[in-house]
Amino acid sequence: MQVLVNSDNHIGASQDFMSSISKRVTDKIKRFDDHLTRVEVHLRDENAHKAGSHDKRCLIEARPKGREPVSVSHHADHLEKAIDGALDKLGTVLERDISKHRIS
């Protein structure tokens, strides 16, 4: 499974930061590794330099083998919370999606 991490211009993301996010994603969804080809993480500060709550967004798109992609997103006041929220949602969506296709 390939993990790609992208961020907009308003998020100062070093290579170490991107690598740590990739590792967190891999650790969180490793039980689905055989079912996925790629996971893309998109980080965005929706208000840029303006102050505001819940303006950090993490969108994660997972691509199951042979099926349509699934995506989740989470908004929070801090990037770490947005990432954690999106990862929690992704685990739930993948569990449901994979279970549904095992039964079919």
Protein backbone atom coordinates (compact mmCIF):
# COMPACT_ATOMS: atom_id res chain seq x y z
CA MET A 1 0.00 0.00 0.00
CA GLN A 2 1.33 3.38 -1.02
CA VAL A 3 0.70 6.41 1.21
CA LEU A 4 0.92 9.90 -0.29
CA VAL A 5 0.72 13.05 1.84
CA ASN A 6 -0.09 16.43 0.30
CA SER A 7 -0.52 19.85 1.89
CA ASP A 8 -1.51 23.28 0.71
CA ASN A 9 0.83 26.28 0.71
CA HIS A 10 -0.42 27.46 4.11
CA ILE A 11 0.77 24.42 6.01
CA GLY A 12 4.45 24.38 6.81
CA ALA A 13 5.15 20.71 6.22
CA SER A 14 8.70 19.45 6.44
CA GLN A 15 9.76 16.09 5.06
CA ASP A 16 9.92 14.72 8.62
CA PHE A 17 6.36 15.89 9.29
CA MET A 18 5.11 14.27 6.07
CA SER A 19 6.93 11.04 6.93
CA SER A 20 5.44 10.97 10.42
CA ILE A 21 1.93 11.37 8.99
CA SER A 22 2.58 8.59 6.50
CA LYS A 23 3.71 6.33 9.35
CA ARG A 24 0.64 7.21 11.44
CA VAL A 25 -1.63 6.34 8.51
CA THR A 26 0.17 3.07 7.89
CA ASP A 27 0.04 2.11 11.58
CA LYS A 28 -3.65 2.98 11.90
CA ILE A 29 -4.88 1.04 8.86
CA LYS A 30 -2.28 -1.72 8.53
CA ARG A 31 -4.97 -4.36 9.04
CA PHE A 32 -6.46 -3.27 5.69
CA ASP A 33 -3.11 -3.36 3.85
CA ASP A 34 -4.05 -6.38 1.69
CA HIS A 35 -7.22 -4.62 0.53
CA LEU A 36 -5.77 -1.22 -0.46
CA THR A 37 -3.55 -0.02 -3.26
CA ARG A 38 -3.07 3.58 -2.22
CA VAL A 39 -4.03 6.12 0.44
CA GLU A 40 -3.83 9.86 -0.18
CA VAL A 41 -3.83 12.39 2.66
CA HIS A 42 -4.65 16.01 1.86
CA LEU A 43 -3.99 18.64 4.54
CA ARG A 44 -5.44 22.11 4.24
CA ASP A 45 -5.73 25.31 6.23
CA GLU A 46 -9.04 26.59 4.93
CA ASN A 47 -8.77 30.10 6.35
CA ALA A 48 -5.08 30.48 5.56
CA HIS A 49 -3.61 33.19 7.76
CA LYS A 50 -6.90 34.31 9.28
CA ALA A 51 -7.85 33.25 12.77
CA GLY A 52 -10.73 30.87 13.14
CA SER A 53 -11.80 27.66 14.73
CA HIS A 54 -12.07 24.35 12.94
CA ASP A 55 -10.22 25.64 9.91
CA LYS A 56 -7.72 22.79 9.62
CA ARG A 57 -8.94 20.00 7.35
CA CYS A 58 -7.65 16.52 6.71
CA LEU A 59 -9.14 14.61 3.80
CA ILE A 60 -8.10 11.00 3.32
CA GLU A 61 -8.92 8.99 0.22
CA ALA A 62 -8.34 5.24 0.27
CA ARG A 63 -8.37 3.14 -2.88
CA PRO A 64 -9.54 -0.42 -2.28
CA LYS A 65 -8.38 -2.99 -4.85
CA GLY A 66 -10.92 -3.37 -7.64
CA ARG A 67 -13.46 -0.96 -6.13
CA GLU A 68 -14.30 2.72 -6.05
CA PRO A 69 -12.26 4.95 -3.71
CA VAL A 70 -13.66 5.92 -0.32
CA SER A 71 -12.93 9.23 1.35
CA VAL A 72 -13.37 10.88 4.72
CA SER A 73 -12.57 14.30 6.08
CA HIS A 74 -12.37 15.96 9.45
CA HIS A 75 -12.15 19.62 10.49
CA ALA A 76 -10.51 20.74 13.73
CA ASP A 77 -8.77 23.70 15.29
CA HIS A 78 -5.38 21.92 15.15
CA LEU A 79 -3.93 19.86 12.32
CA GLU A 80 -3.10 16.91 14.58
CA LYS A 81 -6.74 16.69 15.73
CA ALA A 82 -7.94 16.86 12.12
CA ILE A 83 -5.61 14.01 11.16
CA ASP A 84 -6.67 11.87 14.14
CA GLY A 85 -10.35 12.48 13.44
CA ALA A 86 -10.01 11.58 9.77
CA LEU A 87 -8.02 8.42 10.59
CA ASP A 88 -10.70 7.29 13.05
CA LYS A 89 -13.39 7.83 10.44
CA LEU A 90 -11.35 6.04 7.78
CA GLY A 91 -10.96 2.96 9.97
CA THR A 92 -14.72 2.79 10.44
CA VAL A 93 -15.49 3.29 6.73
CA LEU A 94 -12.93 0.70 5.61
CA GLU A 95 -14.16 -1.86 8.13
CA ARG A 96 -17.72 -1.43 6.87
CA ASP A 97 -16.70 -1.41 3.19
CA ILE A 98 -14.50 -4.48 3.39
CA SER A 99 -17.00 -6.42 5.52
CA LYS A 100 -19.76 -5.61 3.05
CA HIS A 101 -17.72 -6.94 0.13
CA ARG A 102 -16.75 -10.14 1.98
CA ILE A 103 -20.43 -10.98 2.38
CA SER A 104 -21.26 -10.24 -1.28
